[in-house]
């Protein structure tokens, strides 16, 4: 259930530029948990780490650096 909260939190992050900026401004896991809890997501540092460990590297990069990632073409070559 808690990893579900972590997944829901990071889904919200992808849609909220202000939240993205707050996460990019911190590298402290405790601050990350505090931000999630402020938004109503009941998670712990361990639960977030477990959920992040399951993500492919490309999704992880897109989560913390939206707009920076592998190039995708609209029209395939």
N, C-alpha and C. Protein backbone atom coordinates (compact mmCIF):
# COMPACT_ATOMS: atom_id res chain seq x y z
N UNK A 1 0.83 -1.19 0.00
CA UNK A 1 0.00 0.00 0.00
C UNK A 1 0.87 1.25 0.00
N UNK A 2 1.94 1.27 0.76
CA UNK A 2 2.79 2.44 0.86
C UNK A 2 3.51 2.73 -0.44
N UNK A 3 3.95 1.67 -1.14
CA UNK A 3 4.59 1.90 -2.44
C UNK A 3 3.56 2.46 -3.41
N UNK A 4 2.30 2.11 -3.21
CA UNK A 4 1.24 2.70 -4.03
C UNK A 4 1.20 4.21 -3.80
N UNK A 5 1.36 4.63 -2.54
CA UNK A 5 1.40 6.06 -2.22
C UNK A 5 2.61 6.72 -2.87
N UNK A 6 3.74 6.03 -2.86
CA UNK A 6 4.95 6.58 -3.49
C UNK A 6 4.74 6.73 -4.98
N UNK A 7 4.14 5.73 -5.61
CA UNK A 7 3.87 5.80 -7.05
C UNK A 7 2.90 6.93 -7.36
N UNK A 8 1.87 7.08 -6.54
CA UNK A 8 0.90 8.16 -6.75
C UNK A 8 1.56 9.52 -6.57
N UNK A 9 2.44 9.63 -5.59
CA UNK A 9 3.15 10.89 -5.36
C UNK A 9 3.99 11.27 -6.56
N UNK A 10 4.76 10.32 -7.09
CA UNK A 10 5.62 10.64 -8.22
C UNK A 10 4.83 10.87 -9.50
N UNK A 11 3.66 10.28 -9.59
CA UNK A 11 2.78 10.59 -10.73
C UNK A 11 2.32 12.05 -10.63
N UNK A 12 2.00 12.48 -9.41
CA UNK A 12 1.61 13.88 -9.20
C UNK A 12 2.78 14.81 -9.51
N UNK A 13 3.99 14.40 -9.18
CA UNK A 13 5.18 15.20 -9.46
C UNK A 13 5.31 15.45 -10.95
N UNK A 14 5.06 14.44 -11.75
CA UNK A 14 5.19 14.57 -13.20
C UNK A 14 4.24 15.61 -13.77
N UNK A 15 3.16 15.90 -13.08
CA UNK A 15 2.15 16.82 -13.59
C UNK A 15 2.20 18.19 -12.93
N UNK A 16 3.08 18.39 -11.97
CA UNK A 16 3.11 19.63 -11.19
C UNK A 16 4.51 20.24 -11.24
N UNK A 17 4.67 21.32 -12.02
CA UNK A 17 5.98 21.94 -12.20
C UNK A 17 6.54 22.52 -10.91
N UNK A 18 5.68 23.05 -10.06
CA UNK A 18 6.15 23.61 -8.79
C UNK A 18 6.72 22.50 -7.91
N UNK A 19 6.03 21.38 -7.88
CA UNK A 19 6.50 20.24 -7.12
C UNK A 19 7.81 19.69 -7.70
N UNK A 20 7.91 19.67 -9.01
CA UNK A 20 9.15 19.24 -9.66
C UNK A 20 10.32 20.13 -9.23
N UNK A 21 10.09 21.42 -9.20
CA UNK A 21 11.14 22.36 -8.80
C UNK A 21 11.56 22.15 -7.35
N UNK A 22 10.59 21.87 -6.48
CA UNK A 22 10.91 21.62 -5.07
C UNK A 22 11.77 20.37 -4.93
N UNK A 23 11.44 19.33 -5.69
CA UNK A 23 12.22 18.09 -5.59
C UNK A 23 13.61 18.26 -6.18
N UNK A 24 13.71 19.02 -7.26
CA UNK A 24 15.02 19.25 -7.87
C UNK A 24 15.91 20.09 -6.98
N UNK A 25 15.32 20.89 -6.11
CA UNK A 25 16.09 21.77 -5.24
C UNK A 25 16.64 21.03 -4.01
N UNK A 26 16.24 19.79 -3.81
CA UNK A 26 16.73 19.05 -2.65
C UNK A 26 17.36 17.73 -3.06
N UNK A 27 18.37 17.34 -2.32
CA UNK A 27 18.95 16.01 -2.52
C UNK A 27 18.83 15.21 -1.23
N UNK A 28 18.13 15.78 -0.26
CA UNK A 28 17.96 15.17 1.04
C UNK A 28 16.73 14.26 1.05
N UNK A 29 16.90 12.96 1.27
CA UNK A 29 15.75 12.05 1.28
C UNK A 29 14.69 12.41 2.32
N UNK A 30 15.12 12.94 3.46
CA UNK A 30 14.15 13.33 4.49
C UNK A 30 13.27 14.48 3.99
N UNK A 31 13.85 15.40 3.25
CA UNK A 31 13.08 16.50 2.69
C UNK A 31 12.08 15.99 1.66
N UNK A 32 12.48 15.00 0.89
CA UNK A 32 11.60 14.39 -0.09
C UNK A 32 10.38 13.78 0.60
N UNK A 33 10.60 13.06 1.69
CA UNK A 33 9.51 12.46 2.45
C UNK A 33 8.62 13.56 3.03
N UNK A 34 9.22 14.62 3.53
CA UNK A 34 8.45 15.72 4.10
C UNK A 34 7.55 16.35 3.04
N UNK A 35 8.08 16.56 1.85
CA UNK A 35 7.28 17.14 0.76
C UNK A 35 6.12 16.21 0.41
N UNK A 36 6.39 14.92 0.33
CA UNK A 36 5.33 13.94 0.02
C UNK A 36 4.26 13.96 1.11
N UNK A 37 4.68 13.98 2.36
CA UNK A 37 3.72 13.99 3.46
C UNK A 37 2.89 15.27 3.49
N UNK A 38 3.51 16.41 3.15
CA UNK A 38 2.78 17.67 3.07
C UNK A 38 1.66 17.60 2.04
N UNK A 39 1.91 16.83 0.99
CA UNK A 39 0.92 16.68 -0.09
C UNK A 39 -0.10 15.58 0.20
N UNK A 40 -0.01 14.96 1.39
CA UNK A 40 -1.00 13.96 1.78
C UNK A 40 -0.63 12.53 1.43
N UNK A 41 0.61 12.30 1.02
CA UNK A 41 1.07 10.95 0.69
C UNK A 41 1.85 10.40 1.88
N UNK A 42 1.32 9.36 2.49
CA UNK A 42 1.93 8.77 3.68
C UNK A 42 3.00 7.77 3.25
N UNK A 43 4.24 8.23 3.19
CA UNK A 43 5.35 7.37 2.76
C UNK A 43 6.54 7.57 3.68
N UNK A 44 7.42 6.60 3.65
CA UNK A 44 8.68 6.70 4.39
C UNK A 44 9.83 6.76 3.39
N UNK A 45 10.99 7.09 3.90
CA UNK A 45 12.18 7.15 3.05
C UNK A 45 12.46 5.78 2.42
N UNK A 46 12.31 4.72 3.19
CA UNK A 46 12.55 3.36 2.69
C UNK A 46 11.59 3.01 1.57
N UNK A 47 10.32 3.35 1.73
CA UNK A 47 9.31 3.04 0.71
C UNK A 47 9.59 3.78 -0.59
N UNK A 48 10.01 5.03 -0.47
CA UNK A 48 10.35 5.79 -1.68
C UNK A 48 11.56 5.18 -2.36
N UNK A 49 12.58 4.83 -1.58
CA UNK A 49 13.78 4.22 -2.16
C UNK A 49 13.45 2.91 -2.86
N UNK A 50 12.60 2.08 -2.25
CA UNK A 50 12.22 0.81 -2.86
C UNK A 50 11.49 1.04 -4.18
N UNK A 51 10.60 2.03 -4.19
CA UNK A 51 9.84 2.31 -5.41
C UNK A 51 10.77 2.84 -6.50
N UNK A 52 11.67 3.74 -6.13
CA UNK A 52 12.60 4.31 -7.11
C UNK A 52 13.54 3.24 -7.67
N UNK A 53 13.93 2.28 -6.83
CA UNK A 53 14.81 1.21 -7.28
C UNK A 53 14.17 0.35 -8.36
N UNK A 54 12.85 0.33 -8.41
CA UNK A 54 12.14 -0.49 -9.40
C UNK A 54 12.03 0.20 -10.76
N UNK A 55 12.28 1.50 -10.80
CA UNK A 55 12.13 2.24 -12.05
C UNK A 55 13.31 2.03 -12.98
N UNK A 56 13.04 1.94 -14.28
CA UNK A 56 14.14 1.94 -15.25
C UNK A 56 14.86 3.29 -15.19
N UNK A 57 16.12 3.30 -15.55
CA UNK A 57 16.93 4.52 -15.46
C UNK A 57 16.32 5.68 -16.25
N UNK A 58 15.74 5.39 -17.41
CA UNK A 58 15.17 6.45 -18.23
C UNK A 58 13.98 7.11 -17.54
N UNK A 59 13.14 6.32 -16.87
CA UNK A 59 12.00 6.89 -16.16
C UNK A 59 12.45 7.69 -14.94
N UNK A 60 13.48 7.20 -14.29
CA UNK A 60 14.03 7.90 -13.13
C UNK A 60 14.59 9.26 -13.54
N UNK A 61 15.32 9.29 -14.65
CA UNK A 61 15.87 10.55 -15.16
C UNK A 61 14.76 11.51 -15.54
N UNK A 62 13.72 11.01 -16.18
CA UNK A 62 12.60 11.87 -16.58
C UNK A 62 11.86 12.42 -15.37
N UNK A 63 11.83 11.66 -14.30
CA UNK A 63 11.13 12.08 -13.10
C UNK A 63 11.84 13.25 -12.42
N UNK A 64 13.16 13.16 -12.32
CA UNK A 64 13.91 14.19 -11.61
C UNK A 64 14.44 15.28 -12.53
N UNK A 65 14.45 15.04 -13.82
CA UNK A 65 14.89 16.04 -14.79
C UNK A 65 13.91 16.06 -15.95
N UNK A 66 12.67 16.48 -15.69
CA UNK A 66 11.70 16.48 -16.78
C UNK A 66 12.18 17.39 -17.90
N UNK A 67 12.04 16.95 -19.10
CA UNK A 67 12.50 17.73 -20.23
C UNK A 67 13.90 17.34 -20.66
N UNK A 68 14.61 16.63 -19.79
CA UNK A 68 15.93 16.14 -20.15
C UNK A 68 15.84 14.62 -20.20
N UNK A 69 16.08 14.10 -21.32
CA UNK A 69 15.98 12.65 -21.45
C UNK A 69 16.37 12.25 -22.85
N UNK A 70 16.15 11.01 -23.14
CA UNK A 70 16.46 10.52 -24.46
C UNK A 70 15.59 11.20 -25.51
N UNK A 71 16.15 11.41 -26.67
CA UNK A 71 15.39 12.03 -27.75
C UNK A 71 14.37 11.05 -28.29
N UNK A 72 13.20 11.56 -28.54
CA UNK A 72 12.17 10.76 -29.17
C UNK A 72 11.69 11.54 -30.38
N UNK A 73 11.63 10.88 -31.47
CA UNK A 73 11.22 11.53 -32.71
C UNK A 73 9.72 11.41 -32.90
N UNK A 74 9.13 12.49 -33.39
CA UNK A 74 7.70 12.45 -33.70
C UNK A 74 7.45 11.59 -34.93
N UNK A 75 8.35 11.70 -35.88
CA UNK A 75 8.25 10.89 -37.09
C UNK A 75 9.46 9.97 -37.12
N UNK A 76 9.25 8.65 -37.00
CA UNK A 76 10.39 7.74 -36.99
C UNK A 76 11.15 7.78 -38.30
N UNK A 77 12.43 7.59 -38.23
CA UNK A 77 13.26 7.57 -39.43
C UNK A 77 13.22 6.23 -40.08
